[in-house]
Amino acid sequence: MLAAHYAGNRTMTVEEAEPTPPGPGEVQIAVAYTGICGTDLHILNGHMDARVNTPAVIGHEMSGTVAALGDGVEGWSLDDPVTVMPLAWDGTCPACLAGNAHICQNLDFVGIDSPGALQSRWNVDAALLVPLPATLPLRHAALVEPTAVAVHDVRRAELEPGHKAVVIGGGPIGVLIASVARSFGGEVIVIELDPVRREQAADLGFIALDPRDDTVAAVEEWTGGAGADVVFEVSGAAAAVLGAVDYAKVRGTLVVVAIHPEPRPVNLQRVFWRELRLLGARVYQRDDFDTAVALLDSGEIPADALITRTVPLADVQSAFDALTAGAAMKILIDVQAGQEHS
């Protein structure tokens, strides 16, 4: 089988590897598609070298089918379509005991802290599997994990029907948040610097604004002078964090979604003056995955519009290079392409 490794120094390598049978309680997945996300780019750029041991098989946005069952695994059959909720928690830390296992203080994020899905055969704990409906194409199902991120973000914001939301950043997660917010009954503005992404957001029916224009005035006009109920900061840019609170209404909510590799200035005077809520939103819970599957299966998530192209595993470096250059929205790796087994 083939496996892709992060080798350090902004380099991905692809090598032959010998598959190992699944252990007790594990399922072996024939990985169909693996998506590359912003976290993977952080890994490639060395921002997580203190956490990721090289060479490392990364990747956690995926879809596939059950290829083999380890001892003691029940409830699954060969060829079942599946995805993986890539979180393994210890169940004993204060966060877990408080009911927040998804952000366990000793969390194993599979595909970062342990081997991930950029390999044609992947052994995972059966407890991590999420079933997929037969009606959902595996290509679209590779978006379940990032859609679950968006579902969690929108739920964390407590967005309700009729709420007005501003999404700062029109990349894949920004568009997914906008799409989920709309499916939950919200009205959405997307603020995006890149003209191609801004046009894509507009084509999907969102109001799309250029941050170089007076976007605060535009939001004020859109909300009748009140400000947005919810603001999602998805861009990761320092200027966006500083200005995000200017869009929010009195007692509005700012949700920080982007990964910021260093501390950012925040306008706490505005937070104080308007009694704003400032929330972090990280990963997801199991019901977020279930909702994500349903949204993709129903077509409420514009999967085809988000997927720029699909490349074989052997060309994984080119996919990372294209995403680093900002030349794509979402690139999927066809993990089985060019390999002997199906």
C-alpha atoms as a PDB file:
ATOM      1  CA  MET A   1       0.000   0.000   0.000  1.00  0.00           C
ATOM      2  CA  LEU A   2       0.981   3.657  -0.284  1.00  0.00           C
ATOM      3  CA  ALA A   3       1.269   6.079   2.621  1.00  0.00           C
ATOM      4  CA  ALA A   4       2.093   9.786   2.633  1.00  0.00           C
ATOM      5  CA  HIS A   5       4.283  11.205   5.388  1.00  0.00           C
ATOM      6  CA  TYR A   6       5.029  14.684   6.626  1.00  0.00           C
ATOM      7  CA  ALA A   7       8.831  14.595   6.646  1.00  0.00           C
ATOM      8  CA  GLY A   8       9.532  18.105   7.983  1.00  0.00           C
ATOM      9  CA  ASN A   9      10.892  21.075   6.044  1.00  0.00           C
ATOM     10  CA  ARG A  10       7.571  21.645   4.209  1.00  0.00           C
ATOM     11  CA  THR A  11       7.911  18.242   2.559  1.00  0.00           C
ATOM     12  CA  MET A  12       5.508  15.347   2.014  1.00  0.00           C
ATOM     13  CA  THR A  13       6.872  11.982   0.901  1.00  0.00           C
ATOM     14  CA  VAL A  14       4.968   8.984  -0.492  1.00  0.00           C
ATOM     15  CA  GLU A  15       6.274   5.511   0.233  1.00  0.00           C
ATOM     16  CA  GLU A  16       5.257   1.889  -0.035  1.00  0.00           C
ATOM     17  CA  ALA A  17       4.269   0.360   3.275  1.00  0.00           C
ATOM     18  CA  GLU A  18       3.123  -3.042   4.425  1.00  0.00           C
ATOM     19  CA  PRO A  19      -0.426  -2.999   5.819  1.00  0.00           C
ATOM     20  CA  THR A  20      -0.864  -4.502   9.269  1.00  0.00           C
ATOM     21  CA  PRO A  21      -4.008  -6.371  10.327  1.00  0.00           C
ATOM     22  CA  PRO A  22      -6.365  -4.501  12.660  1.00  0.00           C
ATOM     23  CA  GLY A  23      -5.835  -5.234  16.317  1.00  0.00           C
ATOM     24  CA  PRO A  24      -8.514  -6.188  18.855  1.00  0.00           C
ATOM     25  CA  GLY A  25     -11.279  -3.592  18.818  1.00  0.00           C
ATOM     26  CA  GLU A  26      -9.962  -2.018  15.627  1.00  0.00           C
ATOM     27  CA  VAL A  27     -11.345  -1.710  12.127  1.00  0.00           C
ATOM     28  CA  GLN A  28      -9.234  -1.450   9.005  1.00  0.00           C
ATOM     29  CA  ILE A  29     -10.538   1.124   6.538  1.00  0.00           C
ATOM     30  CA  ALA A  30      -9.842   1.225   2.824  1.00  0.00           C
ATOM     31  CA  VAL A  31      -9.497   5.005   2.667  1.00  0.00           C
ATOM     32  CA  ALA A  32     -11.234   6.425  -0.404  1.00  0.00           C
ATOM     33  CA  TYR A  33     -10.669  10.182  -0.104  1.00  0.00           C
ATOM     34  CA  THR A  34      -8.753  12.372   2.327  1.00  0.00           C
ATOM     35  CA  GLY A  35      -9.162  16.142   2.417  1.00  0.00           C
ATOM     36  CA  ILE A  36      -6.354  18.557   3.204  1.00  0.00           C
ATOM     37  CA  CYS A  37      -7.266  21.282   5.676  1.00  0.00           C
ATOM     38  CA  GLY A  38      -5.760  24.329   7.326  1.00  0.00           C
ATOM     39  CA  THR A  39      -4.423  22.258  10.222  1.00  0.00           C
ATOM     40  CA  ASP A  40      -2.555  20.047   7.767  1.00  0.00           C
ATOM     41  CA  LEU A  41      -1.018  23.193   6.266  1.00  0.00           C
ATOM     42  CA  HIS A  42       0.046  24.324   9.748  1.00  0.00           C
ATOM     43  CA  ILE A  43       1.754  20.938  10.128  1.00  0.00           C
ATOM     44  CA  LEU A  44       3.448  21.240   6.723  1.00  0.00           C
ATOM     45  CA  ASN A  45       4.755  24.704   7.604  1.00  0.00           C
ATOM     46  CA  GLY A  46       6.326  23.423  10.823  1.00  0.00           C
ATOM     47  CA  HIS A  47       3.977  25.230  13.196  1.00  0.00           C
ATOM     48  CA  MET A  48       3.205  21.980  15.031  1.00  0.00           C
ATOM     49  CA  ASP A  49       6.634  20.315  15.004  1.00  0.00           C
ATOM     50  CA  ALA A  50       6.675  20.254  18.806  1.00  0.00           C
ATOM     51  CA  ARG A  51       3.602  18.034  18.658  1.00  0.00           C
ATOM     52  CA  VAL A  52       4.030  15.997  15.460  1.00  0.00           C
ATOM     53  CA  ASN A  53       6.792  13.416  15.312  1.00  0.00           C
ATOM     54  CA  THR A  54       8.318  12.969  11.853  1.00  0.00           C
ATOM     55  CA  PRO A  55       7.887  11.103   9.628  1.00  0.00           C
ATOM     56  CA  ALA A  56       4.144  11.259  10.306  1.00  0.00           C
ATOM     57  CA  VAL A  57       1.145   9.992   8.351  1.00  0.00           C
ATOM     58  CA  ILE A  58      -1.313  12.850   8.766  1.00  0.00           C
ATOM     59  CA  GLY A  59      -4.851  13.554   7.528  1.00  0.00           C
ATOM     60  CA  HIS A  60      -8.188  13.403   9.342  1.00  0.00           C
ATOM     61  CA  GLU A  61     -10.862  14.512   6.830  1.00  0.00           C
ATOM     62  CA  MET A  62     -11.771  11.264   5.121  1.00  0.00           C
ATOM     63  CA  SER A  63     -14.198   8.705   3.816  1.00  0.00           C
ATOM     64  CA  GLY A  64     -13.808   5.026   3.033  1.00  0.00           C
ATOM     65  CA  THR A  65     -15.157   1.539   3.496  1.00  0.00           C
ATOM     66  CA  VAL A  66     -14.580  -1.184   6.058  1.00  0.00           C
ATOM     67  CA  ALA A  67     -11.882  -3.554   4.776  1.00  0.00           C
ATOM     68  CA  ALA A  68     -11.228  -5.800   7.797  1.00  0.00           C
ATOM     69  CA  LEU A  69     -12.444  -6.282  11.365  1.00  0.00           C
ATOM     70  CA  GLY A  70     -10.290  -6.897  14.420  1.00  0.00           C
ATOM     71  CA  ASP A  71     -11.181  -9.330  17.165  1.00  0.00           C
ATOM     72  CA  GLY A  72     -14.187  -8.352  19.235  1.00  0.00           C
ATOM     73  CA  VAL A  73     -15.586  -5.812  16.766  1.00  0.00           C
ATOM     74  CA  GLU A  74     -19.343  -6.056  16.320  1.00  0.00           C
ATOM     75  CA  GLY A  75     -21.941  -4.012  14.456  1.00  0.00           C
ATOM     76  CA  TRP A  76     -19.836  -3.453  11.329  1.00  0.00           C
ATOM     77  CA  SER A  77     -19.598  -5.378   8.075  1.00  0.00           C
ATOM     78  CA  LEU A  78     -17.099  -5.433   5.239  1.00  0.00           C
ATOM     79  CA  ASP A  79     -17.657  -2.662   2.678  1.00  0.00           C
ATOM     80  CA  ASP A  80     -19.717  -0.509   5.065  1.00  0.00           C
ATOM     81  CA  PRO A  81     -19.185   3.158   4.083  1.00  0.00           C
ATOM     82  CA  VAL A  82     -17.694   5.093   6.986  1.00  0.00           C
ATOM     83  CA  THR A  83     -15.923   8.187   8.130  1.00  0.00           C
ATOM     84  CA  VAL A  84     -13.989   8.739  11.355  1.00  0.00           C
ATOM     85  CA  MET A  85     -14.481  11.161  14.219  1.00  0.00           C
ATOM     86  CA  PRO A  86     -10.742  11.482  14.919  1.00  0.00           C
ATOM     87  CA  LEU A  87     -10.791  12.194  18.646  1.00  0.00           C
ATOM     88  CA  ALA A  88      -9.589   9.790  21.332  1.00  0.00           C
ATOM     89  CA  TRP A  89      -9.887  10.988  24.913  1.00  0.00           C
ATOM     90  CA  ASP A  90      -8.728   9.487  28.199  1.00  0.00           C
ATOM     91  CA  GLY A  91     -11.997   9.818  30.106  1.00  0.00           C
ATOM     92  CA  THR A  92     -10.187  10.713  33.324  1.00  0.00           C
ATOM     93  CA  CYS A  93      -9.022  14.333  33.026  1.00  0.00           C
ATOM     94  CA  PRO A  94     -11.025  17.242  34.501  1.00  0.00           C
ATOM     95  CA  ALA A  95     -12.435  18.176  31.081  1.00  0.00           C
ATOM     96  CA  CYS A  96     -13.682  14.638  30.443  1.00  0.00           C
ATOM     97  CA  LEU A  97     -15.159  14.322  33.927  1.00  0.00           C
ATOM     98  CA  ALA A  98     -16.988  17.621  33.379  1.00  0.00           C
ATOM     99  CA  GLY A  99     -18.631  16.260  30.220  1.00  0.00           C
ATOM    100  CA  ASN A 100     -16.265  17.910  27.730  1.00  0.00           C
ATOM    101  CA  ALA A 101     -14.424  14.832  26.463  1.00  0.00           C
ATOM    102  CA  HIS A 102     -14.120  16.270  22.947  1.00  0.00           C
ATOM    103  CA  ILE A 103     -11.581  18.770  24.339  1.00  0.00           C
ATOM    104  CA  CYS A 104      -9.895  16.320  26.690  1.00  0.00           C
ATOM    105  CA  GLN A 105      -6.803  17.783  28.295  1.00  0.00           C
ATOM    106  CA  ASN A 106      -4.867  14.757  27.024  1.00  0.00           C
ATOM    107  CA  LEU A 107      -6.636  14.507  23.680  1.00  0.00           C
ATOM    108  CA  ASP A 108      -5.253  12.289  20.926  1.00  0.00           C
ATOM    109  CA  PHE A 109      -6.302  14.023  17.729  1.00  0.00           C
ATOM    110  CA  VAL A 110      -5.977  11.160  15.288  1.00  0.00           C
ATOM    111  CA  GLY A 111      -4.139  12.254  12.158  1.00  0.00           C
ATOM    112  CA  ILE A 112      -2.063  14.724  14.150  1.00  0.00           C
ATOM    113  CA  ASP A 113      -1.009  13.045  17.388  1.00  0.00           C
ATOM    114  CA  SER A 114      -1.286   9.533  15.930  1.00  0.00           C
ATOM    115  CA  PRO A 115      -1.313   8.128  12.361  1.00  0.00           C
ATOM    116  CA  GLY A 116      -3.941   9.509  10.003  1.00  0.00           C
ATOM    117  CA  ALA A 117      -5.795   8.882   6.779  1.00  0.00           C
ATOM    118  CA  LEU A 118      -3.219   9.630   4.060  1.00  0.00           C
ATOM    119  CA  GLN A 119      -2.679   5.901   3.601  1.00  0.00           C
ATOM    120  CA  SER A 120      -4.619   3.306   1.656  1.00  0.00           C
ATOM    121  CA  ARG A 121      -5.234   1.034   4.657  1.00  0.00           C
ATOM    122  CA  TRP A 122      -5.866   2.691   8.021  1.00  0.00           C
ATOM    123  CA  ASN A 123      -6.480   0.910  11.329  1.00  0.00           C
ATOM    124  CA  VAL A 124      -8.612   2.835  13.827  1.00  0.00           C
ATOM    125  CA  ASP A 125     -10.501   2.075  17.003  1.00  0.00           C
ATOM    126  CA  ALA A 126     -13.992   0.921  16.057  1.00  0.00           C
ATOM    127  CA  ALA A 127     -15.443   3.454  18.513  1.00  0.00           C
ATOM    128  CA  LEU A 128     -14.289   6.258  16.195  1.00  0.00           C
ATOM    129  CA  LEU A 129     -16.311   5.085  13.190  1.00  0.00           C
ATOM    130  CA  VAL A 130     -19.303   7.053  11.949  1.00  0.00           C
ATOM    131  CA  PRO A 131     -21.642   5.268   9.512  1.00  0.00           C
ATOM    132  CA  LEU A 132     -22.479   6.874   6.188  1.00  0.00           C
ATOM    133  CA  PRO A 133     -25.695   6.474   4.209  1.00  0.00           C
ATOM    134  CA  ALA A 134     -25.388   4.630   0.912  1.00  0.00           C
ATOM    135  CA  THR A 135     -26.869   7.705  -0.803  1.00  0.00           C
ATOM    136  CA  LEU A 136     -23.894   9.923   0.137  1.00  0.00           C
ATOM    137  CA  PRO A 137     -21.012   9.706  -2.386  1.00  0.00           C
ATOM    138  CA  LEU A 138     -17.691   8.966  -0.717  1.00  0.00           C
ATOM    139  CA  ARG A 139     -16.204  12.001  -2.467  1.00  0.00           C
ATOM    140  CA  HIS A 140     -18.710  14.259  -0.702  1.00  0.00           C
ATOM    141  CA  ALA A 141     -18.402  12.286   2.542  1.00  0.00           C
ATOM    142  CA  ALA A 142     -14.768  13.383   2.840  1.00  0.00           C
ATOM    143  CA  LEU A 143     -16.273  16.750   3.868  1.00  0.00           C
ATOM    144  CA  VAL A 144     -18.118  15.349   6.895  1.00  0.00           C
ATOM    145  CA  GLU A 145     -15.333  16.237   9.343  1.00  0.00           C
ATOM    146  CA  PRO A 146     -14.969  19.912   8.314  1.00  0.00           C
ATOM    147  CA  THR A 147     -18.765  20.202   8.134  1.00  0.00           C
ATOM    148  CA  ALA A 148     -18.925  18.877  11.704  1.00  0.00           C
ATOM    149  CA  VAL A 149     -16.485  21.652  12.673  1.00  0.00           C
ATOM    150  CA  ALA A 150     -18.901  24.183  11.174  1.00  0.00           C
ATOM    151  CA  VAL A 151     -21.909  22.610  12.889  1.00  0.00           C
ATOM    152  CA  HIS A 152     -20.103  22.792  16.226  1.00  0.00           C
ATOM    153  CA  ASP A 153     -19.144  26.434  15.632  1.00  0.00           C
ATOM    154  CA  VAL A 154     -22.719  27.428  14.803  1.00  0.00           C
ATOM    155  CA  ARG A 155     -24.123  25.537  17.791  1.00  0.00           C
ATOM    156  CA  ARG A 156     -21.482  27.065  20.049  1.00  0.00           C
ATOM    157  CA  ALA A 157     -22.705  30.494  18.924  1.00  0.00           C
ATOM    158  CA  GLU A 158     -26.291  29.546  19.852  1.00  0.00           C
ATOM    159  CA  LEU A 159     -27.412  30.877  16.482  1.00  0.00           C
ATOM    160  CA  GLU A 160     -31.186  30.880  16.087  1.00  0.00           C
ATOM    161  CA  PRO A 161     -33.517  31.303  13.082  1.00  0.00           C
ATOM    162  CA  GLY A 162     -33.551  34.933  11.983  1.00  0.00           C
ATOM    163  CA  HIS A 163     -30.142  35.747  13.464  1.00  0.00           C
ATOM    164  CA  LYS A 164     -27.730  37.724  11.332  1.00  0.00           C
ATOM    165  CA  ALA A 165     -24.217  36.305  11.163  1.00  0.00           C
ATOM    166  CA  VAL A 166     -20.968  37.713   9.807  1.00  0.00           C
ATOM    167  CA  VAL A 167     -18.338  35.194   8.716  1.00  0.00           C
ATOM    168  CA  ILE A 168     -14.839  36.662   8.379  1.00  0.00           C
ATOM    169  CA  GLY A 169     -12.979  34.454   5.925  1.00  0.00           C
ATOM    170  CA  GLY A 170     -14.427  32.766   2.846  1.00  0.00           C
ATOM    171  CA  GLY A 171     -12.239  29.672   2.741  1.00  0.00           C
ATOM    172  CA  PRO A 172     -13.620  26.137   3.112  1.00  0.00           C
ATOM    173  CA  ILE A 173     -14.493  26.400   6.807  1.00  0.00           C
ATOM    174  CA  GLY A 174     -15.909  29.901   6.371  1.00  0.00           C
ATOM    175  CA  VAL A 175     -18.193  28.761   3.550  1.00  0.00           C
ATOM    176  CA  LEU A 176     -19.194  25.688   5.562  1.00  0.00           C
ATOM    177  CA  ILE A 177     -20.049  27.852   8.587  1.00  0.00           C
ATOM    178  CA  ALA A 178     -22.063  30.166   6.346  1.00  0.00           C
ATOM    179  CA  SER A 179     -23.881  27.176   4.817  1.00  0.00           C
ATOM    180  CA  VAL A 180     -24.643  25.578   8.190  1.00  0.00           C
ATOM    181  CA  ALA A 181     -25.783  28.917   9.632  1.00  0.00           C
ATOM    182  CA  ARG A 182     -28.138  29.333   6.688  1.00  0.00           C
ATOM    183  CA  SER A 183     -29.479  25.799   7.134  1.00  0.00           C
ATOM    184  CA  PHE A 184     -30.176  26.677  10.787  1.00  0.00           C
ATOM    185  CA  GLY A 185     -32.225  29.685   9.660  1.00  0.00           C
ATOM    186  CA  GLY A 186     -29.625  32.432   9.855  1.00  0.00           C
ATOM    187  CA  GLU A 187     -28.851  35.219   7.382  1.00  0.00           C
ATOM    188  CA  VAL A 188     -25.185  35.491   6.467  1.00  0.00           C
ATOM    189  CA  ILE A 189     -22.588  37.967   5.223  1.00  0.00           C
ATOM    190  CA  VAL A 190     -19.176  36.612   4.214  1.00  0.00           C
ATOM    191  CA  ILE A 191     -16.173  38.953   4.312  1.00  0.00           C
ATOM    192  CA  GLU A 192     -13.304  37.742   2.138  1.00  0.00           C
ATOM    193  CA  LEU A 193     -10.248  39.453   0.650  1.00  0.00           C
ATOM    194  CA  ASP A 194      -9.600  37.043  -2.219  1.00  0.00           C
ATOM    195  CA  PRO A 195     -11.794  37.976  -5.210  1.00  0.00           C
ATOM    196  CA  VAL A 196     -12.192  34.387  -6.430  1.00  0.00           C
ATOM    197  CA  ARG A 197     -13.381  33.152  -3.058  1.00  0.00           C
ATOM    198  CA  ARG A 198     -15.582  36.209  -2.669  1.00  0.00           C
ATOM    199  CA  GLU A 199     -17.217  35.434  -6.003  1.00  0.00           C
ATOM    200  CA  GLN A 200     -17.692  31.798  -4.976  1.00  0.00           C
ATOM    201  CA  ALA A 201     -19.461  32.901  -1.797  1.00  0.00           C
ATOM    202  CA  ALA A 202     -21.707  35.217  -3.808  1.00  0.00           C
ATOM    203  CA  ASP A 203     -22.490  32.419  -6.271  1.00  0.00           C
ATOM    204  CA  LEU A 204     -23.665  30.332  -3.320  1.00  0.00           C
ATOM    205  CA  GLY A 205     -26.160  33.041  -2.410  1.00  0.00           C
ATOM    206  CA  PHE A 206     -24.328  34.830   0.381  1.00  0.00           C
ATOM    207  CA  ILE A 207     -23.734  38.563   0.628  1.00  0.00           C
ATOM    208  CA  ALA A 208     -19.984  38.764  -0.015  1.00  0.00           C
ATOM    209  CA  LEU A 209     -17.986  41.848   0.983  1.00  0.00           C
ATOM    210  CA  ASP A 210     -14.438  43.006   0.365  1.00  0.00           C
ATOM    211  CA  PRO A 211     -12.728  43.901   3.699  1.00  0.00           C
ATOM    212  CA  ARG A 212     -11.012  46.830   1.968  1.00  0.00           C
ATOM    213  CA  ASP A 213     -14.441  48.485   1.723  1.00  0.00           C
ATOM    214  CA  ASP A 214     -16.353  49.939   4.666  1.00  0.00           C
ATOM    215  CA  THR A 215     -17.719  46.619   5.841  1.00  0.00           C
ATOM    216  CA  VAL A 216     -18.683  47.936   9.277  1.00  0.00           C
ATOM    217  CA  ALA A 217     -21.038  50.445   7.646  1.00  0.00           C
ATOM    218  CA  ALA A 218     -22.411  47.711   5.387  1.00  0.00           C
ATOM    219  CA  VAL A 219     -23.178  45.478   8.369  1.00  0.00           C
ATOM    220  CA  GLU A 220     -24.746  48.393  10.231  1.00  0.00           C
ATOM    221  CA  GLU A 221     -27.024  49.072   7.270  1.00  0.00           C
ATOM    222  CA  TRP A 222     -27.844  45.357   6.893  1.00  0.00           C
ATOM    223  CA  THR A 223     -28.843  45.088  10.551  1.00  0.00           C
ATOM    224  CA  GLY A 224     -30.698  48.405  10.846  1.00  0.00           C
ATOM    225  CA  GLY A 225     -27.961  49.859  13.029  1.00  0.00           C
ATOM    226  CA  ALA A 226     -27.946  47.022  15.563  1.00  0.00           C
ATOM    227  CA  GLY A 227     -24.949  44.963  14.488  1.00  0.00           C
ATOM    228  CA  ALA A 228     -24.714  41.227  13.872  1.00  0.00           C
ATOM    229  CA  ASP A 229     -25.986  38.666  16.363  1.00  0.00           C
ATOM    230  CA  VAL A 230     -22.953  36.459  15.746  1.00  0.00           C
ATOM    231  CA  VAL A 231     -19.498  37.057  14.257  1.00  0.00           C
ATOM    232  CA  PHE A 232     -17.294  34.115  13.280  1.00  0.00           C
ATOM    233  CA  GLU A 233     -13.562  34.856  12.939  1.00  0.00           C
ATOM    234  CA  VAL A 234     -12.294  32.228  10.497  1.00  0.00           C
ATOM    235  CA  SER A 235      -9.519  34.055   8.633  1.00  0.00           C
ATOM    236  CA  GLY A 236      -6.725  33.794  11.183  1.00  0.00           C
ATOM    237  CA  ALA A 237      -5.562  37.323  10.331  1.00  0.00           C
ATOM    238  CA  ALA A 238      -4.528  39.712  13.103  1.00  0.00           C
ATOM    239  CA  ALA A 239      -6.447  42.636  11.574  1.00  0.00           C
ATOM    240  CA  ALA A 240      -9.601  40.522  11.360  1.00  0.00           C
ATOM    241  CA  VAL A 241      -9.411  39.631  15.052  1.00  0.00           C
ATOM    242  CA  LEU A 242      -8.919  43.248  16.040  1.00  0.00           C
ATOM    243  CA  GLY A 243     -11.839  44.467  13.945  1.00  0.00           C
ATOM    244  CA  ALA A 244     -14.238  41.554  14.476  1.00  0.00           C
ATOM    245  CA  VAL A 245     -15.949  43.048  17.517  1.00  0.00           C
ATOM    246  CA  ASP A 246     -16.962  46.115  15.478  1.00  0.00           C
ATOM    247  CA  TYR A 247     -19.554  44.014  13.641  1.00  0.00           C
ATOM    248  CA  ALA A 248     -21.305  42.666  16.732  1.00  0.00           C
ATOM    249  CA  LYS A 249     -24.504  43.974  18.273  1.00  0.00           C
ATOM    250  CA  VAL A 250     -24.932  44.766  21.967  1.00  0.00           C
ATOM    251  CA  ARG A 251     -24.623  41.427  23.755  1.00  0.00           C
ATOM    252  CA  GLY A 252     -23.612  39.823  20.494  1.00  0.00           C
ATOM    253  CA  THR A 253     -21.254  36.870  20.213  1.00  0.00           C
ATOM    254  CA  LEU A 254     -17.797  36.570  18.676  1.00  0.00           C
ATOM    255  CA  VAL A 255     -16.706  32.998  17.952  1.00  0.00           C
ATOM    256  CA  VAL A 256     -12.992  32.427  17.349  1.00  0.00           C
ATOM    257  CA  VAL A 257     -12.680  29.534  14.915  1.00  0.00           C
ATOM    258  CA  ALA A 258      -9.306  30.061  13.206  1.00  0.00           C
ATOM    259  CA  ILE A 259      -6.091  28.608  14.566  1.00  0.00           C
ATOM    260  CA  HIS A 260      -3.843  31.504  15.570  1.00  0.00           C
ATOM    261  CA  PRO A 261      -0.183  30.480  15.865  1.00  0.00           C
ATOM    262  CA  GLU A 262       0.593  33.490  18.058  1.00  0.00           C
ATOM    263  CA  PRO A 263      -1.284  35.878  20.388  1.00  0.00           C
ATOM    264  CA  ARG A 264      -3.444  38.555  18.738  1.00  0.00           C
ATOM    265  CA  PRO A 265      -4.575  42.011  19.923  1.00  0.00           C
ATOM    266  CA  VAL A 266      -8.275  42.115  20.860  1.00  0.00           C
ATOM    267  CA  ASN A 267     -10.401  45.257  21.345  1.00  0.00           C
ATOM    268  CA  LEU A 268     -11.495  44.556  24.909  1.00  0.00           C
ATOM    269  CA  GLN A 269     -12.913  48.059  25.282  1.00  0.00           C
ATOM    270  CA  ARG A 270     -15.558  47.159  22.704  1.00  0.00           C
ATOM    271  CA  VAL A 271     -16.132  43.795  24.399  1.00  0.00           C
ATOM    272  CA  PHE A 272     -16.749  45.634  27.663  1.00  0.00           C
ATOM    273  CA  TRP A 273     -18.835  48.452  26.196  1.00  0.00           C
ATOM    274  CA  ARG A 274     -21.260  46.190  24.334  1.00  0.00           C
ATOM    275  CA  GLU A 275     -21.183  43.292  26.826  1.00  0.00           C
ATOM    276  CA  LEU A 276     -20.035  40.933  24.104  1.00  0.00           C
ATOM    277  CA  ARG A 277     -19.433  37.221  24.472  1.00  0.00           C
ATOM    278  CA  LEU A 278     -16.066  35.979  23.248  1.00  0.00           C
ATOM    279  CA  LEU A 279     -16.036  32.217  22.626  1.00  0.00           C
ATOM    280  CA  GLY A 280     -13.565  29.678  21.358  1.00  0.00           C
ATOM    281  CA  ALA A 281     -14.842  26.820  19.213  1.00  0.00           C
ATOM    282  CA  ARG A 282     -12.694  23.758  18.724  1.00  0.00           C
ATOM    283  CA  VAL A 283     -13.386  20.429  17.035  1.00  0.00           C
ATOM    284  CA  TYR A 284     -16.826  18.806  17.552  1.00  0.00           C
ATOM    285  CA  GLN A 285     -18.992  16.305  19.376  1.00  0.00           C
ATOM    286  CA  ARG A 286     -20.650  13.153  18.062  1.00  0.00           C
ATOM    287  CA  ASP A 287     -24.016  14.796  17.372  1.00  0.00           C
ATOM    288  CA  ASP A 288     -22.187  17.395  15.272  1.00  0.00           C
ATOM    289  CA  PHE A 289     -20.928  14.552  13.068  1.00  0.00           C
ATOM    290  CA  ASP A 290     -24.405  13.081  12.763  1.00  0.00           C
ATOM    291  CA  THR A 291     -25.815  16.466  11.718  1.00  0.00           C
ATOM    292  CA  ALA A 292     -22.962  16.978   9.251  1.00  0.00           C
ATOM    293  CA  VAL A 293     -23.705  13.644   7.572  1.00  0.00           C
ATOM    294  CA  ALA A 294     -27.384  14.574   7.264  1.00  0.00           C
ATOM    295  CA  LEU A 295     -26.617  18.033   5.821  1.00  0.00           C
ATOM    296  CA  LEU A 296     -24.278  16.610   3.189  1.00  0.00           C
ATOM    297  CA  ASP A 297     -26.668  13.795   2.320  1.00  0.00           C
ATOM    298  CA  SER A 298     -29.531  16.270   1.862  1.00  0.00           C
ATOM    299  CA  GLY A 299     -27.459  18.508  -0.413  1.00  0.00           C
ATOM    300  CA  GLU A 300     -27.665  21.529   1.915  1.00  0.00           C
ATOM    301  CA  ILE A 301     -23.862  21.689   1.923  1.00  0.00           C
ATOM    302  CA  PRO A 302     -22.469  22.716  -1.515  1.00  0.00           C
ATOM    303  CA  ALA A 303     -19.917  19.891  -1.675  1.00  0.00           C
ATOM    304  CA  ASP A 304     -19.125  20.135  -5.387  1.00  0.00           C
ATOM    305  CA  ALA A 305     -18.609  23.895  -5.132  1.00  0.00           C
ATOM    306  CA  LEU A 306     -16.117  23.406  -2.314  1.00  0.00           C
ATOM    307  CA  ILE A 307     -14.042  20.666  -3.954  1.00  0.00           C
ATOM    308  CA  THR A 308     -11.621  22.312  -6.374  1.00  0.00           C
ATOM    309  CA  ARG A 309     -10.105  19.079  -7.631  1.00  0.00           C
ATOM    310  CA  THR A 310      -9.034  15.555  -6.732  1.00  0.00           C
ATOM    311  CA  VAL A 311      -5.471  14.248  -7.072  1.00  0.00           C
ATOM    312  CA  PRO A 312      -3.928  10.810  -6.510  1.00  0.00           C
ATOM    313  CA  LEU A 313      -1.988  10.086  -3.352  1.00  0.00           C
ATOM    314  CA  ALA A 314       1.263   9.997  -5.325  1.00  0.00           C
ATOM    315  CA  ASP A 315       0.787  13.727  -6.071  1.00  0.00           C
ATOM    316  CA  VAL A 316       0.066  14.801  -2.501  1.00  0.00           C
ATOM    317  CA  GLN A 317       2.945  17.332  -2.450  1.00  0.00           C
ATOM    318  CA  SER A 318       1.432  19.206  -5.390  1.00  0.00           C
ATOM    319  CA  ALA A 319      -1.862  19.436  -3.531  1.00  0.00           C
ATOM    320  CA  PHE A 320      -0.172  20.925  -0.463  1.00  0.00           C
ATOM    321  CA  ASP A 321       1.765  23.350  -2.649  1.00  0.00           C
ATOM    322  CA  ALA A 322      -1.416  24.517  -4.405  1.00  0.00           C
ATOM    323  CA  LEU A 323      -3.241  25.071  -1.130  1.00  0.00           C
ATOM    324  CA  THR A 324      -0.263  26.891   0.367  1.00  0.00           C
ATOM    325  CA  ALA A 325      -0.297  29.216  -2.650  1.00  0.00           C
ATOM    326  CA  GLY A 326      -4.009  29.860  -2.174  1.00  0.00           C
ATOM    327  CA  ALA A 327      -4.793  28.388  -5.585  1.00  0.00           C
ATOM    328  CA  ALA A 328      -7.654  26.137  -4.456  1.00  0.00           C
ATOM    329  CA  MET A 329     -10.589  25.868  -2.064  1.00  0.00           C
ATOM    330  CA  LYS A 330     -10.537  22.180  -1.078  1.00  0.00           C
ATOM    331  CA  ILE A 331      -8.361  19.477  -2.635  1.00  0.00           C
ATOM    332  CA  LEU A 332      -9.173  15.827  -2.036  1.00  0.00           C
ATOM    333  CA  ILE A 333      -6.605  13.071  -2.228  1.00  0.00           C
ATOM    334  CA  ASP A 334      -7.859   9.976  -4.047  1.00  0.00           C
ATOM    335  CA  VAL A 335      -6.055   7.513  -1.842  1.00  0.00           C
ATOM    336  CA  GLN A 336      -6.815   4.417  -3.903  1.00  0.00           C
ATOM    337  CA  ALA A 337      -5.987   5.874  -7.335  1.00  0.00           C
ATOM    338  CA  GLY A 338      -3.300   3.901  -9.132  1.00  0.00           C
ATOM    339  CA  GLN A 339      -3.153   1.113  -6.563  1.00  0.00           C
ATOM    340  CA  GLU A 340      -3.864  -2.535  -7.242  1.00  0.00           C
ATOM    341  CA  HIS A 341      -6.533  -3.114  -4.638  1.00  0.00           C
ATOM    342  CA  SER A 342      -9.913  -1.367  -4.788  1.00  0.00           C
END
